[in-house]
Amino acid sequence: MPPNHKPSVIIVGAGEFGAATACSLLKSGRYGSVTILDRAQTLPAMDAASCDINKVVRYDYADPMYSELARIAIGEWNKPEWKGIYYQ
């Protein structure tokens, strides 16, 4: 790869994890483009797990790394830009 060329990434699935991964990769500045592919024509897909406000988010997982990721995610979801989307 040429020294000034940034790699491109394709993410399959525009749900919670796919969209969050795309945002994180774009914010890093290390990628030239990030493309998300999803089967739905409009998002969120009505049958997707991410399309329901009745989810339980917790930090008490057996895996400490997963617990830390949940703690960070909850902190992010409590930011003003997610108002009306995330309910604690």
PDB file of N, CA and C in Angstrom:
ATOM      1  N   MET A   1       0.844  -1.169   0.000  1.00  0.00           N
ATOM      2  CA  MET A   1       0.000   0.000   0.000  1.00  0.00           C
ATOM      3  C   MET A   1       0.898   1.243   0.000  1.00  0.00           C
ATOM      4  N   PRO A   2       0.616   2.223  -0.869  1.00  0.00           N
ATOM      5  CA  PRO A   2       1.421   3.450  -0.881  1.00  0.00           C
ATOM      6  C   PRO A   2       1.386   4.137   0.479  1.00  0.00           C
ATOM      7  N   PRO A   3       2.449   4.853   0.861  1.00  0.00           N
ATOM      8  CA  PRO A   3       2.536   5.440   2.199  1.00  0.00           C
ATOM      9  C   PRO A   3       1.421   6.433   2.529  1.00  0.00           C
ATOM     10  N   ASN A   4       0.885   7.161   1.545  1.00  0.00           N
ATOM     11  CA  ASN A   4      -0.157   8.144   1.819  1.00  0.00           C
ATOM     12  C   ASN A   4      -1.561   7.604   1.617  1.00  0.00           C
ATOM     13  N   HIS A   5      -1.682   6.348   1.274  1.00  0.00           N
ATOM     14  CA  HIS A   5      -2.991   5.750   1.010  1.00  0.00           C
ATOM     15  C   HIS A   5      -3.575   5.174   2.300  1.00  0.00           C
ATOM     16  N   LYS A   6      -4.800   5.558   2.593  1.00  0.00           N
ATOM     17  CA  LYS A   6      -5.480   5.019   3.773  1.00  0.00           C
ATOM     18  C   LYS A   6      -6.392   3.882   3.320  1.00  0.00           C
ATOM     19  N   PRO A   7      -6.438   2.772   4.065  1.00  0.00           N
ATOM     20  CA  PRO A   7      -7.269   1.642   3.656  1.00  0.00           C
ATOM     21  C   PRO A   7      -8.761   1.975   3.746  1.00  0.00           C
ATOM     22  N   SER A   8      -9.534   1.257   2.959  1.00  0.00           N
ATOM     23  CA  SER A   8     -10.989   1.351   2.992  1.00  0.00           C
ATOM     24  C   SER A   8     -11.532   0.166   3.775  1.00  0.00           C
ATOM     25  N   VAL A   9     -12.690   0.359   4.394  1.00  0.00           N
ATOM     26  CA  VAL A   9     -13.304  -0.690   5.203  1.00  0.00           C
ATOM     27  C   VAL A   9     -14.753  -0.849   4.779  1.00  0.00           C
ATOM     28  N   ILE A  10     -15.237  -2.092   4.720  1.00  0.00           N
ATOM     29  CA  ILE A  10     -16.652  -2.378   4.499  1.00  0.00           C
ATOM     30  C   ILE A  10     -17.168  -3.083   5.744  1.00  0.00           C
ATOM     31  N   ILE A  11     -18.260  -2.573   6.279  1.00  0.00           N
ATOM     32  CA  ILE A  11     -18.897  -3.159   7.457  1.00  0.00           C
ATOM     33  C   ILE A  11     -20.241  -3.727   7.013  1.00  0.00           C
ATOM     34  N   VAL A  12     -20.501  -4.977   7.339  1.00  0.00           N
ATOM     35  CA  VAL A  12     -21.775  -5.607   6.995  1.00  0.00           C
ATOM     36  C   VAL A  12     -22.679  -5.526   8.212  1.00  0.00           C
ATOM     37  N   GLY A  13     -23.760  -4.770   8.074  1.00  0.00           N
ATOM     38  CA  GLY A  13     -24.731  -4.607   9.148  1.00  0.00           C
ATOM     39  C   GLY A  13     -24.669  -3.214   9.745  1.00  0.00           C
ATOM     40  N   ALA A  14     -25.790  -2.497   9.668  1.00  0.00           N
ATOM     41  CA  ALA A  14     -25.847  -1.118  10.160  1.00  0.00           C
ATOM     42  C   ALA A  14     -26.572  -1.021  11.493  1.00  0.00           C
ATOM     43  N   GLY A  15     -26.516  -2.093  12.261  1.00  0.00           N
ATOM     44  CA  GLY A  15     -27.127  -2.067  13.590  1.00  0.00           C
ATOM     45  C   GLY A  15     -26.236  -1.345  14.585  1.00  0.00           C
ATOM     46  N   GLU A  16     -26.477  -1.598  15.857  1.00  0.00           N
ATOM     47  CA  GLU A  16     -25.731  -0.924  16.929  1.00  0.00           C
ATOM     48  C   GLU A  16     -24.223  -1.080  16.768  1.00  0.00           C
ATOM     49  N   PHE A  17     -23.772  -2.306  16.599  1.00  0.00           N
ATOM     50  CA  PHE A  17     -22.331  -2.545  16.533  1.00  0.00           C
ATOM     51  C   PHE A  17     -21.729  -2.070  15.211  1.00  0.00           C
ATOM     52  N   GLY A  18     -22.424  -2.293  14.099  1.00  0.00           N
ATOM     53  CA  GLY A  18     -21.907  -1.852  12.809  1.00  0.00           C
ATOM     54  C   GLY A  18     -21.787  -0.345  12.729  1.00  0.00           C
ATOM     55  N   ALA A  19     -22.832   0.361  13.148  1.00  0.00           N
ATOM     56  CA  ALA A  19     -22.808   1.825  13.101  1.00  0.00           C
ATOM     57  C   ALA A  19     -21.771   2.391  14.063  1.00  0.00           C
ATOM     58  N   ALA A  20     -21.689   1.829  15.262  1.00  0.00           N
ATOM     59  CA  ALA A  20     -20.707   2.304  16.239  1.00  0.00           C
ATOM     60  C   ALA A  20     -19.285   2.059  15.751  1.00  0.00           C
ATOM     61  N   THR A  21     -19.066   0.912  15.132  1.00  0.00           N
ATOM     62  CA  THR A  21     -17.741   0.612  14.588  1.00  0.00           C
ATOM     63  C   THR A  21     -17.385   1.595  13.480  1.00  0.00           C
ATOM     64  N   ALA A  22     -18.339   1.881  12.602  1.00  0.00           N
ATOM     65  CA  ALA A  22     -18.084   2.841  11.518  1.00  0.00           C
ATOM     66  C   ALA A  22     -17.729   4.209  12.085  1.00  0.00           C
ATOM     67  N   CYS A  23     -18.478   4.669  13.065  1.00  0.00           N
ATOM     68  CA  CYS A  23     -18.185   5.979  13.682  1.00  0.00           C
ATOM     69  C   CYS A  23     -16.792   5.993  14.288  1.00  0.00           C
ATOM     70  N   SER A  24     -16.452   4.940  14.989  1.00  0.00           N
ATOM     71  CA  SER A  24     -15.148   4.859  15.639  1.00  0.00           C
ATOM     72  C   SER A  24     -14.012   4.865  14.610  1.00  0.00           C
ATOM     73  N   LEU A  25     -14.177   4.099  13.549  1.00  0.00           N
ATOM     74  CA  LEU A  25     -13.142   4.058  12.508  1.00  0.00           C
ATOM     75  C   LEU A  25     -12.989   5.410  11.829  1.00  0.00           C
ATOM     76  N   LEU A  26     -14.100   6.075  11.534  1.00  0.00           N
ATOM     77  CA  LEU A  26     -14.024   7.392  10.894  1.00  0.00           C
ATOM     78  C   LEU A  26     -13.372   8.421  11.807  1.00  0.00           C
ATOM     79  N   LYS A  27     -13.710   8.386  13.082  1.00  0.00           N
ATOM     80  CA  LYS A  27     -13.121   9.333  14.037  1.00  0.00           C
ATOM     81  C   LYS A  27     -11.620   9.116  14.190  1.00  0.00           C
ATOM     82  N   SER A  28     -11.163   7.881  13.980  1.00  0.00           N
ATOM     83  CA  SER A  28      -9.735   7.592  14.151  1.00  0.00           C
ATOM     84  C   SER A  28      -8.880   8.287  13.099  1.00  0.00           C
ATOM     85  N   GLY A  29      -9.460   8.576  11.931  1.00  0.00           N
ATOM     86  CA  GLY A  29      -8.704   9.210  10.861  1.00  0.00           C
ATOM     87  C   GLY A  29      -7.747   8.290  10.131  1.00  0.00           C
ATOM     88  N   ARG A  30      -7.760   7.014  10.450  1.00  0.00           N
ATOM     89  CA  ARG A  30      -6.808   6.082   9.841  1.00  0.00           C
ATOM     90  C   ARG A  30      -7.340   5.405   8.581  1.00  0.00           C
ATOM     91  N   TYR A  31      -8.606   5.680   8.231  1.00  0.00           N
ATOM     92  CA  TYR A  31      -9.223   4.993   7.097  1.00  0.00           C
ATOM     93  C   TYR A  31      -9.685   6.004   6.058  1.00  0.00           C
ATOM     94  N   GLY A  32      -9.487   5.671   4.783  1.00  0.00           N
ATOM     95  CA  GLY A  32      -9.887   6.555   3.702  1.00  0.00           C
ATOM     96  C   GLY A  32     -11.385   6.599   3.528  1.00  0.00           C
ATOM     97  N   SER A  33     -12.023   5.463   3.669  1.00  0.00           N
ATOM     98  CA  SER A  33     -13.477   5.417   3.580  1.00  0.00           C
ATOM     99  C   SER A  33     -13.987   4.244   4.401  1.00  0.00           C
ATOM    100  N   VAL A  34     -15.205   4.410   4.896  1.00  0.00           N
ATOM    101  CA  VAL A  34     -15.885   3.350   5.636  1.00  0.00           C
ATOM    102  C   VAL A  34     -17.272   3.222   5.025  1.00  0.00           C
ATOM    103  N   THR A  35     -17.599   2.042   4.519  1.00  0.00           N
ATOM    104  CA  THR A  35     -18.886   1.784   3.890  1.00  0.00           C
ATOM    105  C   THR A  35     -19.647   0.770   4.733  1.00  0.00           C
ATOM    106  N   ILE A  36     -20.915   1.069   4.982  1.00  0.00           N
ATOM    107  CA  ILE A  36     -21.766   0.136   5.728  1.00  0.00           C
ATOM    108  C   ILE A  36     -22.786  -0.455   4.760  1.00  0.00           C
ATOM    109  N   LEU A  37     -22.881  -1.781   4.733  1.00  0.00           N
ATOM    110  CA  LEU A  37     -23.884  -2.483   3.932  1.00  0.00           C
ATOM    111  C   LEU A  37     -24.919  -3.091   4.867  1.00  0.00           C
ATOM    112  N   ASP A  38     -26.187  -2.944   4.511  1.00  0.00           N
ATOM    113  CA  ASP A  38     -27.254  -3.531   5.312  1.00  0.00           C
ATOM    114  C   ASP A  38     -28.362  -3.992   4.376  1.00  0.00           C
ATOM    115  N   ARG A  39     -29.073  -5.032   4.766  1.00  0.00           N
ATOM    116  CA  ARG A  39     -30.141  -5.563   3.929  1.00  0.00           C
ATOM    117  C   ARG A  39     -31.369  -4.663   3.914  1.00  0.00           C
ATOM    118  N   ALA A  40     -31.528  -3.836   4.930  1.00  0.00           N
ATOM    119  CA  ALA A  40     -32.703  -2.976   5.028  1.00  0.00           C
ATOM    120  C   ALA A  40     -32.599  -1.803   4.058  1.00  0.00           C
ATOM    121  N   GLN A  41     -33.729  -1.402   3.490  1.00  0.00           N
ATOM    122  CA  GLN A  41     -33.740  -0.240   2.606  1.00  0.00           C
ATOM    123  C   GLN A  41     -33.836   1.051   3.409  1.00  0.00           C
ATOM    124  N   THR A  42     -34.454   0.988   4.584  1.00  0.00           N
ATOM    125  CA  THR A  42     -34.501   2.133   5.492  1.00  0.00           C
ATOM    126  C   THR A  42     -34.024   1.660   6.859  1.00  0.00           C
ATOM    127  N   LEU A  43     -33.375   2.551   7.558  1.00  0.00           N
ATOM    128  CA  LEU A  43     -32.817   2.202   8.867  1.00  0.00           C
ATOM    129  C   LEU A  43     -33.506   3.002   9.950  1.00  0.00           C
ATOM    130  N   PRO A  44     -33.670   2.417  11.112  1.00  0.00           N
ATOM    131  CA  PRO A  44     -33.280   1.047  11.452  1.00  0.00           C
ATOM    132  C   PRO A  44     -34.247   0.036  10.858  1.00  0.00           C
ATOM    133  N   ALA A  45     -33.742  -1.156  10.584  1.00  0.00           N
ATOM    134  CA  ALA A  45     -34.596  -2.240  10.101  1.00  0.00           C
ATOM    135  C   ALA A  45     -35.612  -2.570  11.204  1.00  0.00           C
ATOM    136  N   MET A  46     -36.859  -2.643  10.843  1.00  0.00           N
ATOM    137  CA  MET A  46     -37.907  -2.809  11.850  1.00  0.00           C
ATOM    138  C   MET A  46     -37.803  -4.119  12.630  1.00  0.00           C
ATOM    139  N   ASP A  47     -37.159  -5.126  12.068  1.00  0.00           N
ATOM    140  CA  ASP A  47     -37.025  -6.389  12.786  1.00  0.00           C
ATOM    141  C   ASP A  47     -35.652  -6.547  13.443  1.00  0.00           C
ATOM    142  N   ALA A  48     -34.857  -5.484  13.440  1.00  0.00           N
ATOM    143  CA  ALA A  48     -33.519  -5.548  14.045  1.00  0.00           C
ATOM    144  C   ALA A  48     -33.601  -5.431  15.565  1.00  0.00           C
ATOM    145  N   ALA A  49     -32.685  -6.070  16.236  1.00  0.00           N
ATOM    146  CA  ALA A  49     -32.638  -5.987  17.695  1.00  0.00           C
ATOM    147  C   ALA A  49     -32.425  -4.552  18.156  1.00  0.00           C
ATOM    148  N   SER A  50     -31.754  -3.755  17.347  1.00  0.00           N
ATOM    149  CA  SER A  50     -31.465  -2.374  17.723  1.00  0.00           C
ATOM    150  C   SER A  50     -32.670  -1.449  17.551  1.00  0.00           C
ATOM    151  N   CYS A  51     -33.779  -1.972  17.079  1.00  0.00           N
ATOM    152  CA  CYS A  51     -34.961  -1.150  16.811  1.00  0.00           C
ATOM    153  C   CYS A  51     -35.975  -1.241  17.952  1.00  0.00           C
ATOM    154  N   ASP A  52     -35.551  -1.502  19.132  1.00  0.00           N
ATOM    155  CA  ASP A  52     -36.459  -1.684  20.253  1.00  0.00           C
ATOM    156  C   ASP A  52     -35.909  -0.935  21.455  1.00  0.00           C
ATOM    157  N   ILE A  53     -36.714  -0.078  22.074  1.00  0.00           N
ATOM    158  CA  ILE A  53     -36.221   0.677  23.231  1.00  0.00           C
ATOM    159  C   ILE A  53     -36.297  -0.133  24.519  1.00  0.00           C
ATOM    160  N   ASN A  54     -36.725  -1.366  24.453  1.00  0.00           N
ATOM    161  CA  ASN A  54     -36.871  -2.185  25.654  1.00  0.00           C
ATOM    162  C   ASN A  54     -35.664  -3.076  25.908  1.00  0.00           C
ATOM    163  N   LYS A  55     -34.499  -2.590  25.608  1.00  0.00           N
ATOM    164  CA  LYS A  55     -33.278  -3.359  25.851  1.00  0.00           C
ATOM    165  C   LYS A  55     -32.752  -3.098  27.261  1.00  0.00           C
ATOM    166  N   VAL A  56     -32.115  -4.086  27.807  1.00  0.00           N
ATOM    167  CA  VAL A  56     -31.472  -3.932  29.101  1.00  0.00           C
ATOM    168  C   VAL A  56     -29.972  -3.831  28.858  1.00  0.00           C
ATOM    169  N   VAL A  57     -29.384  -2.741  29.294  1.00  0.00           N
ATOM    170  CA  VAL A  57     -27.939  -2.565  29.172  1.00  0.00           C
ATOM    171  C   VAL A  57     -27.393  -2.568  30.589  1.00  0.00           C
ATOM    172  N   ARG A  58     -26.401  -3.370  30.802  1.00  0.00           N
ATOM    173  CA  ARG A  58     -25.834  -3.508  32.150  1.00  0.00           C
ATOM    174  C   ARG A  58     -24.332  -3.619  32.049  1.00  0.00           C
ATOM    175  N   TYR A  59     -23.656  -3.480  33.172  1.00  0.00           N
ATOM    176  CA  TYR A  59     -22.204  -3.671  33.135  1.00  0.00           C
ATOM    177  C   TYR A  59     -21.753  -4.946  33.829  1.00  0.00           C
ATOM    178  N   ASP A  60     -22.632  -5.679  34.453  1.00  0.00           N
ATOM    179  CA  ASP A  60     -22.203  -6.822  35.274  1.00  0.00           C
ATOM    180  C   ASP A  60     -22.059  -8.118  34.464  1.00  0.00           C
ATOM    181  N   TYR A  61     -21.140  -8.096  33.509  1.00  0.00           N
ATOM    182  CA  TYR A  61     -20.822  -9.273  32.715  1.00  0.00           C
ATOM    183  C   TYR A  61     -19.637  -9.996  33.343  1.00  0.00           C
ATOM    184  N   ALA A  62     -19.526 -11.272  33.068  1.00  0.00           N
ATOM    185  CA  ALA A  62     -18.417 -12.056  33.611  1.00  0.00           C
ATOM    186  C   ALA A  62     -17.073 -11.604  33.029  1.00  0.00           C
ATOM    187  N   ASP A  63     -17.090 -11.190  31.781  1.00  0.00           N
ATOM    188  CA  ASP A  63     -15.867 -10.751  31.112  1.00  0.00           C
ATOM    189  C   ASP A  63     -15.626  -9.269  31.434  1.00  0.00           C
ATOM    190  N   PRO A  64     -14.540  -8.947  32.142  1.00  0.00           N
ATOM    191  CA  PRO A  64     -14.271  -7.556  32.517  1.00  0.00           C
ATOM    192  C   PRO A  64     -14.172  -6.609  31.316  1.00  0.00           C
ATOM    193  N   MET A  65     -13.628  -7.086  30.197  1.00  0.00           N
ATOM    194  CA  MET A  65     -13.513  -6.226  29.026  1.00  0.00           C
ATOM    195  C   MET A  65     -14.903  -5.868  28.487  1.00  0.00           C
ATOM    196  N   TYR A  66     -15.828  -6.835  28.470  1.00  0.00           N
ATOM    197  CA  TYR A  66     -17.184  -6.573  27.991  1.00  0.00           C
ATOM    198  C   TYR A  66     -17.897  -5.607  28.933  1.00  0.00           C
ATOM    199  N   SER A  67     -17.677  -5.756  30.222  1.00  0.00           N
ATOM    200  CA  SER A  67     -18.259  -4.827  31.203  1.00  0.00           C
ATOM    201  C   SER A  67     -17.762  -3.412  30.977  1.00  0.00           C
ATOM    202  N   GLU A  68     -16.475  -3.260  30.706  1.00  0.00           N
ATOM    203  CA  GLU A  68     -15.909  -1.946  30.454  1.00  0.00           C
ATOM    204  C   GLU A  68     -16.475  -1.335  29.179  1.00  0.00           C
ATOM    205  N   LEU A  69     -16.637  -2.151  28.134  1.00  0.00           N
ATOM    206  CA  LEU A  69     -17.238  -1.656  26.897  1.00  0.00           C
ATOM    207  C   LEU A  69     -18.675  -1.186  27.134  1.00  0.00           C
ATOM    208  N   ALA A  70     -19.433  -1.919  27.933  1.00  0.00           N
ATOM    209  CA  ALA A  70     -20.811  -1.519  28.257  1.00  0.00           C
ATOM    210  C   ALA A  70     -20.814  -0.209  29.035  1.00  0.00           C
ATOM    211  N   ARG A  71     -19.895  -0.051  29.967  1.00  0.00           N
ATOM    212  CA  ARG A  71     -19.817   1.187  30.749  1.00  0.00           C
ATOM    213  C   ARG A  71     -19.515   2.378  29.837  1.00  0.00           C
ATOM    214  N   ILE A  72     -18.578   2.193  28.920  1.00  0.00           N
ATOM    215  CA  ILE A  72     -18.229   3.249  27.978  1.00  0.00           C
ATOM    216  C   ILE A  72     -19.422   3.564  27.068  1.00  0.00           C
ATOM    217  N   ALA A  73     -20.090   2.523  26.590  1.00  0.00           N
ATOM    218  CA  ALA A  73     -21.245   2.715  25.701  1.00  0.00           C
ATOM    219  C   ALA A  73     -22.348   3.498  26.395  1.00  0.00           C
ATOM    220  N   ILE A  74     -22.650   3.164  27.632  1.00  0.00           N
ATOM    221  CA  ILE A  74     -23.691   3.876  28.366  1.00  0.00           C
ATOM    222  C   ILE A  74     -23.310   5.345  28.534  1.00  0.00           C
ATOM    223  N   GLY A  75     -22.047   5.603  28.806  1.00  0.00           N
ATOM    224  CA  GLY A  75     -21.583   6.984  28.892  1.00  0.00           C
ATOM    225  C   GLY A  75     -21.779   7.738  27.583  1.00  0.00           C
ATOM    226  N   GLU A  76     -21.500   7.072  26.472  1.00  0.00           N
ATOM    227  CA  GLU A  76     -21.691   7.693  25.158  1.00  0.00           C
ATOM    228  C   GLU A  76     -23.174   7.919  24.868  1.00  0.00           C
ATOM    229  N   TRP A  77     -24.004   6.923  25.184  1.00  0.00           N
ATOM    230  CA  TRP A  77     -25.440   7.036  24.894  1.00  0.00           C
ATOM    231  C   TRP A  77     -26.123   8.111  25.739  1.00  0.00           C
ATOM    232  N   ASN A  78     -25.530   8.483  26.848  1.00  0.00           N
ATOM    233  CA  ASN A  78     -26.106   9.530  27.688  1.00  0.00           C
ATOM    234  C   ASN A  78     -25.755  10.933  27.199  1.00  0.00           C
ATOM    235  N   LYS A  79     -25.020  11.043  26.116  1.00  0.00           N
ATOM    236  CA  LYS A  79     -24.668  12.356  25.567  1.00  0.00           C
ATOM    237  C   LYS A  79     -25.902  12.986  24.893  1.00  0.00           C
ATOM    238  N   PRO A  80     -25.950  14.309  24.843  1.00  0.00           N
ATOM    239  CA  PRO A  80     -27.122  15.011  24.305  1.00  0.00           C
ATOM    240  C   PRO A  80     -27.541  14.588  22.896  1.00  0.00           C
ATOM    241  N   GLU A  81     -26.588  14.217  22.039  1.00  0.00           N
ATOM    242  CA  GLU A  81     -26.944  13.871  20.661  1.00  0.00           C
ATOM    243  C   GLU A  81     -27.793  12.606  20.554  1.00  0.00           C
ATOM    244  N   TRP A  82     -27.870  11.814  21.624  1.00  0.00           N
ATOM    245  CA  TRP A  82     -28.673  10.600  21.632  1.00  0.00           C
ATOM    246  C   TRP A  82     -30.000  10.773  22.362  1.00  0.00           C
ATOM    247  N   LYS A  83     -30.291  11.989  22.816  1.00  0.00           N
ATOM    248  CA  LYS A  83     -31.536  12.229  23.545  1.00  0.00           C
ATOM    249  C   LYS A  83     -32.727  11.788  22.684  1.00  0.00           C
ATOM    250  N   GLY A  84     -33.625  11.048  23.290  1.00  0.00           N
ATOM    251  CA  GLY A  84     -34.783  10.533  22.570  1.00  0.00           C
ATOM    252  C   GLY A  84     -34.547   9.199  21.904  1.00  0.00           C
ATOM    253  N   ILE A  85     -33.300   8.743  21.903  1.00  0.00           N
ATOM    254  CA  ILE A  85     -32.952   7.457  21.307  1.00  0.00           C
ATOM    255  C   ILE A  85     -32.578   6.440  22.372  1.00  0.00           C
ATOM    256  N   TYR A  86     -31.827   6.897  23.371  1.00  0.00           N
ATOM    257  CA  TYR A  86     -31.391   6.015  24.467  1.00  0.00           C
ATOM    258  C   TYR A  86     -32.084   6.439  25.747  1.00  0.00           C
ATOM    259  N   TYR A  87     -32.647   5.478  26.434  1.00  0.00           N
ATOM    260  CA  TYR A  87     -33.327   5.731  27.714  1.00  0.00           C
ATOM    261  C   TYR A  87     -32.691   4.869  28.777  1.00  0.00           C
ATOM    262  N   GLN A  88     -32.189   5.481  29.821  1.00  0.00           N
ATOM    263  CA  GLN A  88     -31.548   4.704  30.872  1.00  0.00           C
ATOM    264  C   GLN A  88     -32.581   4.249  31.882  1.00  0.00           C
TER     265      GLN A  88
END
